[in-house]
All heavy atoms as atom14 arrays in JSON, in Angstrom:
{
  "sequence": "QGNLYFGAQDDAVYSLTARGAFRWKAMTAGDVDAPVVIVSDGVL",
  "atom14_mask": [
    [1, 1, 1, 1, 1, 1, 1, 1, 1, 0, 0, 0, 0, 0],
    [1, 1, 1, 1, 0, 0, 0, 0, 0, 0, 0, 0, 0, 0],
    [1, 1, 1, 1, 1, 1, 1, 1, 0, 0, 0, 0, 0, 0],
    [1, 1, 1, 1, 1, 1, 1, 1, 0, 0, 0, 0, 0, 0],
    [1, 1, 1, 1, 1, 1, 1, 1, 1, 1, 1, 1, 0, 0],
    [1, 1, 1, 1, 1, 1, 1, 1, 1, 1, 1, 0, 0, 0],
    [1, 1, 1, 1, 0, 0, 0, 0, 0, 0, 0, 0, 0, 0],
    [1, 1, 1, 1, 1, 0, 0, 0, 0, 0, 0, 0, 0, 0],
    [1, 1, 1, 1, 1, 1, 1, 1, 1, 0, 0, 0, 0, 0],
    [1, 1, 1, 1, 1, 1, 1, 1, 0, 0, 0, 0, 0, 0],
    [1, 1, 1, 1, 1, 1, 1, 1, 0, 0, 0, 0, 0, 0],
    [1, 1, 1, 1, 1, 0, 0, 0, 0, 0, 0, 0, 0, 0],
    [1, 1, 1, 1, 1, 1, 1, 0, 0, 0, 0, 0, 0, 0],
    [1, 1, 1, 1, 1, 1, 1, 1, 1, 1, 1, 1, 0, 0],
    [1, 1, 1, 1, 1, 1, 0, 0, 0, 0, 0, 0, 0, 0],
    [1, 1, 1, 1, 1, 1, 1, 1, 0, 0, 0, 0, 0, 0],
    [1, 1, 1, 1, 1, 1, 1, 0, 0, 0, 0, 0, 0, 0],
    [1, 1, 1, 1, 1, 0, 0, 0, 0, 0, 0, 0, 0, 0],
    [1, 1, 1, 1, 1, 1, 1, 1, 1, 1, 1, 0, 0, 0],
    [1, 1, 1, 1, 0, 0, 0, 0, 0, 0, 0, 0, 0, 0],
    [1, 1, 1, 1, 1, 0, 0, 0, 0, 0, 0, 0, 0, 0],
    [1, 1, 1, 1, 1, 1, 1, 1, 1, 1, 1, 0, 0, 0],
    [1, 1, 1, 1, 1, 1, 1, 1, 1, 1, 1, 0, 0, 0],
    [1, 1, 1, 1, 1, 1, 1, 1, 1, 1, 1, 1, 1, 1],
    [1, 1, 1, 1, 1, 1, 1, 1, 1, 0, 0, 0, 0, 0],
    [1, 1, 1, 1, 1, 0, 0, 0, 0, 0, 0, 0, 0, 0],
    [1, 1, 1, 1, 1, 1, 1, 1, 0, 0, 0, 0, 0, 0],
    [1, 1, 1, 1, 1, 1, 1, 0, 0, 0, 0, 0, 0, 0],
    [1, 1, 1, 1, 1, 0, 0, 0, 0, 0, 0, 0, 0, 0],
    [1, 1, 1, 1, 0, 0, 0, 0, 0, 0, 0, 0, 0, 0],
    [1, 1, 1, 1, 1, 1, 1, 1, 0, 0, 0, 0, 0, 0],
    [1, 1, 1, 1, 1, 1, 1, 0, 0, 0, 0, 0, 0, 0],
    [1, 1, 1, 1, 1, 1, 1, 1, 0, 0, 0, 0, 0, 0],
    [1, 1, 1, 1, 1, 0, 0, 0, 0, 0, 0, 0, 0, 0],
    [1, 1, 1, 1, 1, 1, 1, 0, 0, 0, 0, 0, 0, 0],
    [1, 1, 1, 1, 1, 1, 1, 0, 0, 0, 0, 0, 0, 0],
    [1, 1, 1, 1, 1, 1, 1, 0, 0, 0, 0, 0, 0, 0],
    [1, 1, 1, 1, 1, 1, 1, 1, 0, 0, 0, 0, 0, 0],
    [1, 1, 1, 1, 1, 1, 1, 0, 0, 0, 0, 0, 0, 0],
    [1, 1, 1, 1, 1, 1, 0, 0, 0, 0, 0, 0, 0, 0],
    [1, 1, 1, 1, 1, 1, 1, 1, 0, 0, 0, 0, 0, 0],
    [1, 1, 1, 1, 0, 0, 0, 0, 0, 0, 0, 0, 0, 0],
    [1, 1, 1, 1, 1, 1, 1, 0, 0, 0, 0, 0, 0, 0],
    [1, 1, 1, 1, 1, 1, 1, 1, 0, 0, 0, 0, 0, 0]
  ],
  "atom14_positions": [
    [[31.58, 192.56, 125.15], [32.11, 193.29, 124.02], [32.34, 194.76, 124.32], [32.73, 195.53, 123.45], [31.14, 193.15, 122.82], [31.0, 191.73, 122.32], [30.02, 191.62, 121.17], [29.18, 192.49, 120.95], [30.1, 190.53, 120.43], [0.0, 0.0, 0.0], [0.0, 0.0, 0.0], [0.0, 0.0, 0.0], [0.0, 0.0, 0.0], [0.0, 0.0, 0.0]],
    [[32.1, 195.17, 125.56], [32.3, 196.56, 125.95], [31.07, 197.45, 125.8], [31.13, 198.63, 126.14], [0.0, 0.0, 0.0], [0.0, 0.0, 0.0], [0.0, 0.0, 0.0], [0.0, 0.0, 0.0], [0.0, 0.0, 0.0], [0.0, 0.0, 0.0], [0.0, 0.0, 0.0], [0.0, 0.0, 0.0], [0.0, 0.0, 0.0], [0.0, 0.0, 0.0]],
    [[29.95, 196.9, 125.34], [28.71, 197.68, 125.24], [28.13, 197.91, 126.63], [28.37, 197.12, 127.55], [27.69, 196.95, 124.36], [28.18, 196.78, 122.94], [28.62, 197.74, 122.31], [28.15, 195.56, 122.44], [0.0, 0.0, 0.0], [0.0, 0.0, 0.0], [0.0, 0.0, 0.0], [0.0, 0.0, 0.0], [0.0, 0.0, 0.0], [0.0, 0.0, 0.0]],
    [[27.34, 198.97, 126.77], [26.84, 199.39, 128.08], [25.31, 199.39, 128.09], [24.67, 199.69, 127.07], [27.35, 200.81, 128.38], [28.88, 200.98, 128.37], [29.23, 202.46, 128.47], [29.52, 200.19, 129.5], [0.0, 0.0, 0.0], [0.0, 0.0, 0.0], [0.0, 0.0, 0.0], [0.0, 0.0, 0.0], [0.0, 0.0, 0.0], [0.0, 0.0, 0.0]],
    [[24.72, 199.09, 129.3], [23.28, 199.0, 129.46], [22.91, 199.64, 130.79], [23.53, 199.35, 131.82], [22.82, 197.54, 129.45], [23.29, 196.77, 128.23], [24.58, 196.25, 128.18], [22.46, 196.58, 127.13], [25.04, 195.57, 127.07], [22.9, 195.88, 126.01], [24.19, 195.37, 125.98], [24.63, 194.7, 124.87], [0.0, 0.0, 0.0], [0.0, 0.0, 0.0]],
    [[21.86, 200.5, 130.79], [21.46, 201.17, 132.03], [20.0, 201.58, 131.94], [19.43, 201.68, 130.86], [22.34, 202.4, 132.32], [22.2, 203.51, 131.31], [21.33, 204.57, 131.54], [22.93, 203.5, 130.13], [21.18, 205.6, 130.62], [22.79, 204.54, 129.19], [21.91, 205.58, 129.43], [0.0, 0.0, 0.0], [0.0, 0.0, 0.0], [0.0, 0.0, 0.0]],
    [[19.41, 201.83, 133.11], [18.06, 202.36, 133.19], [18.09, 203.8, 133.65], [19.08, 204.28, 134.21], [0.0, 0.0, 0.0], [0.0, 0.0, 0.0], [0.0, 0.0, 0.0], [0.0, 0.0, 0.0], [0.0, 0.0, 0.0], [0.0, 0.0, 0.0], [0.0, 0.0, 0.0], [0.0, 0.0, 0.0], [0.0, 0.0, 0.0], [0.0, 0.0, 0.0]],
    [[16.96, 204.52, 133.43], [16.9, 205.92, 133.78], [15.5, 206.29, 134.24], [14.54, 205.51, 134.11], [17.31, 206.79, 132.59], [0.0, 0.0, 0.0], [0.0, 0.0, 0.0], [0.0, 0.0, 0.0], [0.0, 0.0, 0.0], [0.0, 0.0, 0.0], [0.0, 0.0, 0.0], [0.0, 0.0, 0.0], [0.0, 0.0, 0.0], [0.0, 0.0, 0.0]],
    [[15.37, 207.51, 134.79], [14.09, 207.96, 135.32], [13.14, 208.5, 134.26], [12.08, 209.01, 134.58], [14.34, 208.99, 136.43], [14.96, 208.37, 137.66], [15.17, 209.35, 138.79], [15.0, 210.55, 138.64], [15.51, 208.83, 139.96], [0.0, 0.0, 0.0], [0.0, 0.0, 0.0], [0.0, 0.0, 0.0], [0.0, 0.0, 0.0], [0.0, 0.0, 0.0]],
    [[13.51, 208.37, 132.98], [12.55, 208.65, 131.92], [11.82, 207.36, 131.51], [11.25, 207.29, 130.42], [13.22, 209.3, 130.72], [14.26, 208.38, 130.05], [14.61, 207.34, 130.63], [14.71, 208.71, 128.93], [0.0, 0.0, 0.0], [0.0, 0.0, 0.0], [0.0, 0.0, 0.0], [0.0, 0.0, 0.0], [0.0, 0.0, 0.0], [0.0, 0.0, 0.0]],
    [[11.87, 206.35, 132.38], [11.15, 205.08, 132.24], [11.77, 204.16, 131.19], [11.13, 203.18, 130.77], [9.68, 205.31, 131.86], [8.92, 206.17, 132.85], [9.46, 206.46, 133.93], [7.78, 206.55, 132.54], [0.0, 0.0, 0.0], [0.0, 0.0, 0.0], [0.0, 0.0, 0.0], [0.0, 0.0, 0.0], [0.0, 0.0, 0.0], [0.0, 0.0, 0.0]],
    [[13.01, 204.42, 130.81], [13.6, 203.64, 129.7], [14.83, 202.87, 130.14], [15.5, 203.21, 131.12], [13.96, 204.59, 128.56], [0.0, 0.0, 0.0], [0.0, 0.0, 0.0], [0.0, 0.0, 0.0], [0.0, 0.0, 0.0], [0.0, 0.0, 0.0], [0.0, 0.0, 0.0], [0.0, 0.0, 0.0], [0.0, 0.0, 0.0], [0.0, 0.0, 0.0]],
    [[15.12, 201.83, 129.36], [16.39, 201.1, 129.44], [17.15, 201.43, 128.15], [16.59, 201.38, 127.05], [16.17, 199.59, 129.56], [17.52, 198.86, 129.58], [15.37, 199.26, 130.81], [0.0, 0.0, 0.0], [0.0, 0.0, 0.0], [0.0, 0.0, 0.0], [0.0, 0.0, 0.0], [0.0, 0.0, 0.0], [0.0, 0.0, 0.0], [0.0, 0.0, 0.0]],
    [[18.43, 201.79, 128.3], [19.25, 202.18, 127.15], [20.42, 201.23, 126.96], [20.89, 200.59, 127.93], [19.87, 203.57, 127.4], [18.93, 204.73, 127.37], [18.2, 205.11, 128.49], [18.78, 205.49, 126.2], [17.35, 206.21, 128.47], [17.93, 206.6, 126.17], [17.23, 206.96, 127.29], [16.38, 208.04, 127.29], [0.0, 0.0, 0.0], [0.0, 0.0, 0.0]],
    [[20.91, 201.18, 125.72], [22.19, 200.55, 125.44], [23.04, 201.5, 124.61], [22.54, 202.16, 123.69], [22.0, 199.23, 124.68], [23.28, 198.66, 124.38], [0.0, 0.0, 0.0], [0.0, 0.0, 0.0], [0.0, 0.0, 0.0], [0.0, 0.0, 0.0], [0.0, 0.0, 0.0], [0.0, 0.0, 0.0], [0.0, 0.0, 0.0], [0.0, 0.0, 0.0]],
    [[24.33, 201.57, 124.96], [25.31, 202.4, 124.25], [26.48, 201.53, 123.83], [26.73, 200.47, 124.42], [25.84, 203.52, 125.15], [24.83, 204.4, 125.9], [25.59, 205.39, 126.78], [23.93, 205.13, 124.94], [0.0, 0.0, 0.0], [0.0, 0.0, 0.0], [0.0, 0.0, 0.0], [0.0, 0.0, 0.0], [0.0, 0.0, 0.0], [0.0, 0.0, 0.0]],
    [[27.22, 201.99, 122.84], [28.49, 201.35, 122.53], [29.51, 201.77, 123.57], [29.27, 202.65, 124.39], [29.0, 201.76, 121.15], [29.39, 203.14, 121.19], [27.93, 201.55, 120.07], [0.0, 0.0, 0.0], [0.0, 0.0, 0.0], [0.0, 0.0, 0.0], [0.0, 0.0, 0.0], [0.0, 0.0, 0.0], [0.0, 0.0, 0.0], [0.0, 0.0, 0.0]],
    [[30.69, 201.15, 123.5], [31.77, 201.52, 124.4], [32.23, 202.94, 124.18], [32.85, 203.55, 125.06], [32.95, 200.56, 124.25], [0.0, 0.0, 0.0], [0.0, 0.0, 0.0], [0.0, 0.0, 0.0], [0.0, 0.0, 0.0], [0.0, 0.0, 0.0], [0.0, 0.0, 0.0], [0.0, 0.0, 0.0], [0.0, 0.0, 0.0], [0.0, 0.0, 0.0]],
    [[31.92, 203.52, 123.02], [32.25, 204.92, 122.75], [31.16, 205.89, 123.18], [31.25, 207.08, 122.97], [32.51, 205.11, 121.25], [33.82, 204.53, 120.75], [33.98, 204.8, 119.27], [35.31, 204.46, 118.81], [35.71, 204.56, 117.54], [34.84, 204.98, 116.64], [36.92, 204.24, 117.2], [0.0, 0.0, 0.0], [0.0, 0.0, 0.0], [0.0, 0.0, 0.0]],
    [[30.06, 205.36, 123.72], [28.97, 206.23, 124.16], [27.96, 206.54, 123.1], [27.11, 207.42, 123.28], [0.0, 0.0, 0.0], [0.0, 0.0, 0.0], [0.0, 0.0, 0.0], [0.0, 0.0, 0.0], [0.0, 0.0, 0.0], [0.0, 0.0, 0.0], [0.0, 0.0, 0.0], [0.0, 0.0, 0.0], [0.0, 0.0, 0.0], [0.0, 0.0, 0.0]],
    [[28.0, 205.83, 121.96], [27.02, 206.06, 120.89], [25.75, 205.25, 121.18], [25.8, 204.13, 121.69], [27.6, 205.65, 119.55], [0.0, 0.0, 0.0], [0.0, 0.0, 0.0], [0.0, 0.0, 0.0], [0.0, 0.0, 0.0], [0.0, 0.0, 0.0], [0.0, 0.0, 0.0], [0.0, 0.0, 0.0], [0.0, 0.0, 0.0], [0.0, 0.0, 0.0]],
    [[24.62, 205.86, 120.85], [23.31, 205.23, 121.08], [23.14, 203.97, 120.26], [23.41, 203.93, 119.06], [22.22, 206.24, 120.72], [20.83, 205.7, 120.81], [20.23, 205.48, 122.03], [20.12, 205.4, 119.65], [18.93, 204.98, 122.11], [18.84, 204.92, 119.72], [18.24, 204.69, 120.94], [0.0, 0.0, 0.0], [0.0, 0.0, 0.0], [0.0, 0.0, 0.0]],
    [[22.71, 202.87, 120.93], [22.39, 201.6, 120.24], [20.9, 201.36, 120.2], [20.32, 201.14, 119.17], [23.08, 200.43, 120.93], [24.59, 200.44, 120.91], [25.15, 199.25, 121.66], [25.07, 198.02, 120.88], [24.8, 196.82, 121.42], [24.55, 196.71, 122.72], [24.78, 195.75, 120.67], [0.0, 0.0, 0.0], [0.0, 0.0, 0.0], [0.0, 0.0, 0.0]],
    [[20.25, 201.38, 121.4], [18.8, 201.21, 121.44], [18.23, 201.72, 122.76], [18.96, 201.99, 123.7], [18.4, 199.75, 121.2], [18.99, 198.68, 122.1], [19.99, 197.8, 121.75], [18.62, 198.34, 123.44], [20.26, 196.95, 122.8], [19.43, 197.24, 123.85], [17.67, 198.83, 124.33], [19.33, 196.65, 125.1], [17.57, 198.24, 125.61], [18.4, 197.18, 125.98]],
    [[16.9, 201.85, 122.75], [16.15, 202.33, 123.9], [14.84, 201.56, 123.96], [14.15, 201.41, 122.95], [15.88, 203.83, 123.76], [14.94, 204.44, 124.79], [14.74, 205.91, 124.48], [13.79, 206.58, 125.48], [13.64, 208.03, 125.18], [0.0, 0.0, 0.0], [0.0, 0.0, 0.0], [0.0, 0.0, 0.0], [0.0, 0.0, 0.0], [0.0, 0.0, 0.0]],
    [[14.49, 201.03, 125.14], [13.24, 200.29, 125.33], [12.48, 200.88, 126.51], [13.07, 201.23, 127.54], [13.53, 198.81, 125.58], [0.0, 0.0, 0.0], [0.0, 0.0, 0.0], [0.0, 0.0, 0.0], [0.0, 0.0, 0.0], [0.0, 0.0, 0.0], [0.0, 0.0, 0.0], [0.0, 0.0, 0.0], [0.0, 0.0, 0.0], [0.0, 0.0, 0.0]],
    [[11.15, 200.98, 126.37], [10.33, 201.7, 127.34], [9.63, 200.77, 128.33], [9.05, 199.75, 127.94], [9.26, 202.52, 126.62], [9.82, 203.65, 125.75], [10.83, 204.83, 126.67], [9.63, 205.44, 127.88], [0.0, 0.0, 0.0], [0.0, 0.0, 0.0], [0.0, 0.0, 0.0], [0.0, 0.0, 0.0], [0.0, 0.0, 0.0], [0.0, 0.0, 0.0]],
    [[9.67, 201.15, 129.63], [8.84, 200.55, 130.64], [7.76, 201.56, 131.04], [7.62, 202.58, 130.36], [9.66, 200.14, 131.88], [9.98, 201.32, 132.66], [10.96, 199.46, 131.49], [0.0, 0.0, 0.0], [0.0, 0.0, 0.0], [0.0, 0.0, 0.0], [0.0, 0.0, 0.0], [0.0, 0.0, 0.0], [0.0, 0.0, 0.0], [0.0, 0.0, 0.0]],
    [[7.05, 201.29, 132.12], [6.01, 202.23, 132.55], [6.36, 202.9, 133.88], [5.48, 203.4, 134.58], [4.66, 201.52, 132.66], [0.0, 0.0, 0.0], [0.0, 0.0, 0.0], [0.0, 0.0, 0.0], [0.0, 0.0, 0.0], [0.0, 0.0, 0.0], [0.0, 0.0, 0.0], [0.0, 0.0, 0.0], [0.0, 0.0, 0.0], [0.0, 0.0, 0.0]],
    [[7.63, 202.9, 134.24], [8.06, 203.53, 135.48], [9.55, 203.8, 135.48], [10.29, 203.33, 134.6], [0.0, 0.0, 0.0], [0.0, 0.0, 0.0], [0.0, 0.0, 0.0], [0.0, 0.0, 0.0], [0.0, 0.0, 0.0], [0.0, 0.0, 0.0], [0.0, 0.0, 0.0], [0.0, 0.0, 0.0], [0.0, 0.0, 0.0], [0.0, 0.0, 0.0]],
    [[10.02, 204.58, 136.46], [11.45, 204.84, 136.59], [12.22, 203.54, 136.66], [11.78, 202.58, 137.31], [11.75, 205.65, 137.87], [11.16, 207.04, 137.83], [10.65, 207.46, 136.78], [11.22, 207.7, 138.89], [0.0, 0.0, 0.0], [0.0, 0.0, 0.0], [0.0, 0.0, 0.0], [0.0, 0.0, 0.0], [0.0, 0.0, 0.0], [0.0, 0.0, 0.0]],
    [[13.39, 203.52, 136.05], [14.28, 202.35, 136.15], [15.5, 202.8, 136.95], [16.52, 203.19, 136.4], [14.67, 201.81, 134.77], [15.51, 200.53, 134.91], [13.43, 201.52, 133.91], [0.0, 0.0, 0.0], [0.0, 0.0, 0.0], [0.0, 0.0, 0.0], [0.0, 0.0, 0.0], [0.0, 0.0, 0.0], [0.0, 0.0, 0.0], [0.0, 0.0, 0.0]],
    [[15.35, 202.76, 138.27], [16.43, 203.14, 139.18], [17.31, 201.95, 139.52], [18.47, 202.12, 139.93], [15.87, 203.72, 140.48], [15.34, 205.14, 140.3], [15.91, 205.87, 139.48], [14.35, 205.49, 140.97], [0.0, 0.0, 0.0], [0.0, 0.0, 0.0], [0.0, 0.0, 0.0], [0.0, 0.0, 0.0], [0.0, 0.0, 0.0], [0.0, 0.0, 0.0]],
    [[16.76, 200.74, 139.42], [17.51, 199.54, 139.77], [18.59, 199.26, 138.73], [18.37, 199.48, 137.53], [16.56, 198.36, 139.87], [0.0, 0.0, 0.0], [0.0, 0.0, 0.0], [0.0, 0.0, 0.0], [0.0, 0.0, 0.0], [0.0, 0.0, 0.0], [0.0, 0.0, 0.0], [0.0, 0.0, 0.0], [0.0, 0.0, 0.0], [0.0, 0.0, 0.0]],
    [[19.77, 198.76, 139.16], [20.76, 198.34, 138.17], [20.19, 197.22, 137.28], [19.52, 196.32, 137.78], [21.92, 197.83, 139.02], [21.72, 198.45, 140.37], [20.24, 198.58, 140.54], [0.0, 0.0, 0.0], [0.0, 0.0, 0.0], [0.0, 0.0, 0.0], [0.0, 0.0, 0.0], [0.0, 0.0, 0.0], [0.0, 0.0, 0.0], [0.0, 0.0, 0.0]],
    [[20.44, 197.32, 135.99], [20.03, 196.24, 135.09], [21.12, 195.18, 135.09], [22.29, 195.48, 135.33], [19.75, 196.76, 133.66], [18.66, 197.82, 133.7], [21.0, 197.31, 133.02], [0.0, 0.0, 0.0], [0.0, 0.0, 0.0], [0.0, 0.0, 0.0], [0.0, 0.0, 0.0], [0.0, 0.0, 0.0], [0.0, 0.0, 0.0], [0.0, 0.0, 0.0]],
    [[20.76, 193.93, 134.78], [21.73, 192.84, 134.8], [21.57, 192.0, 133.55], [20.48, 191.87, 132.99], [21.57, 191.96, 136.07], [21.88, 192.74, 137.34], [20.18, 191.34, 136.14], [0.0, 0.0, 0.0], [0.0, 0.0, 0.0], [0.0, 0.0, 0.0], [0.0, 0.0, 0.0], [0.0, 0.0, 0.0], [0.0, 0.0, 0.0], [0.0, 0.0, 0.0]],
    [[22.67, 191.39, 133.12], [22.67, 190.45, 132.0], [22.82, 189.06, 132.61], [23.82, 188.76, 133.26], [23.8, 190.74, 131.02], [23.76, 192.19, 130.57], [23.7, 189.81, 129.8], [24.98, 192.63, 129.76], [0.0, 0.0, 0.0], [0.0, 0.0, 0.0], [0.0, 0.0, 0.0], [0.0, 0.0, 0.0], [0.0, 0.0, 0.0], [0.0, 0.0, 0.0]],
    [[21.81, 188.2, 132.45], [21.8, 186.91, 133.12], [22.35, 185.77, 132.26], [22.7, 184.71, 132.76], [20.39, 186.56, 133.64], [19.98, 187.53, 134.73], [19.38, 186.54, 132.51], [0.0, 0.0, 0.0], [0.0, 0.0, 0.0], [0.0, 0.0, 0.0], [0.0, 0.0, 0.0], [0.0, 0.0, 0.0], [0.0, 0.0, 0.0], [0.0, 0.0, 0.0]],
    [[22.39, 185.97, 130.96], [23.0, 185.03, 130.03], [23.17, 185.76, 128.71], [22.7, 186.9, 128.54], [22.12, 183.77, 129.85], [20.85, 184.12, 129.33], [0.0, 0.0, 0.0], [0.0, 0.0, 0.0], [0.0, 0.0, 0.0], [0.0, 0.0, 0.0], [0.0, 0.0, 0.0], [0.0, 0.0, 0.0], [0.0, 0.0, 0.0], [0.0, 0.0, 0.0]],
    [[23.84, 185.13, 127.74], [24.06, 185.81, 126.46], [22.73, 186.22, 125.85], [21.83, 185.4, 125.64], [24.81, 184.89, 125.49], [26.3, 184.83, 125.78], [26.84, 185.8, 126.35], [26.92, 183.81, 125.44], [0.0, 0.0, 0.0], [0.0, 0.0, 0.0], [0.0, 0.0, 0.0], [0.0, 0.0, 0.0], [0.0, 0.0, 0.0], [0.0, 0.0, 0.0]],
    [[22.62, 187.54, 125.57], [21.43, 188.05, 124.91], [20.21, 188.23, 125.78], [19.14, 188.56, 125.26], [0.0, 0.0, 0.0], [0.0, 0.0, 0.0], [0.0, 0.0, 0.0], [0.0, 0.0, 0.0], [0.0, 0.0, 0.0], [0.0, 0.0, 0.0], [0.0, 0.0, 0.0], [0.0, 0.0, 0.0], [0.0, 0.0, 0.0], [0.0, 0.0, 0.0]],
    [[20.34, 188.09, 127.1], [19.18, 188.2, 128.0], [19.49, 189.19, 129.12], [20.41, 188.98, 129.91], [18.78, 186.84, 128.61], [17.56, 187.0, 129.52], [18.52, 185.81, 127.51], [0.0, 0.0, 0.0], [0.0, 0.0, 0.0], [0.0, 0.0, 0.0], [0.0, 0.0, 0.0], [0.0, 0.0, 0.0], [0.0, 0.0, 0.0], [0.0, 0.0, 0.0]],
    [[18.7, 190.27, 129.18], [18.88, 191.31, 130.17], [17.62, 191.44, 131.01], [16.5, 191.32, 130.48], [19.19, 192.64, 129.47], [19.42, 193.89, 130.31], [20.48, 194.78, 129.63], [18.14, 194.69, 130.48], [0.0, 0.0, 0.0], [0.0, 0.0, 0.0], [0.0, 0.0, 0.0], [0.0, 0.0, 0.0], [0.0, 0.0, 0.0], [0.0, 0.0, 0.0]]
  ]
}
């Protein structure tokens, strides 16, 4: 649908709309330098 998902060094995974608007943020306990992947509908 054009939505975007990425990790960052503030220990979080983010999702944005295609316009760059914030959708959600989820916290891990370490830097997320690795590319995130979507393995099936609704599963990242």
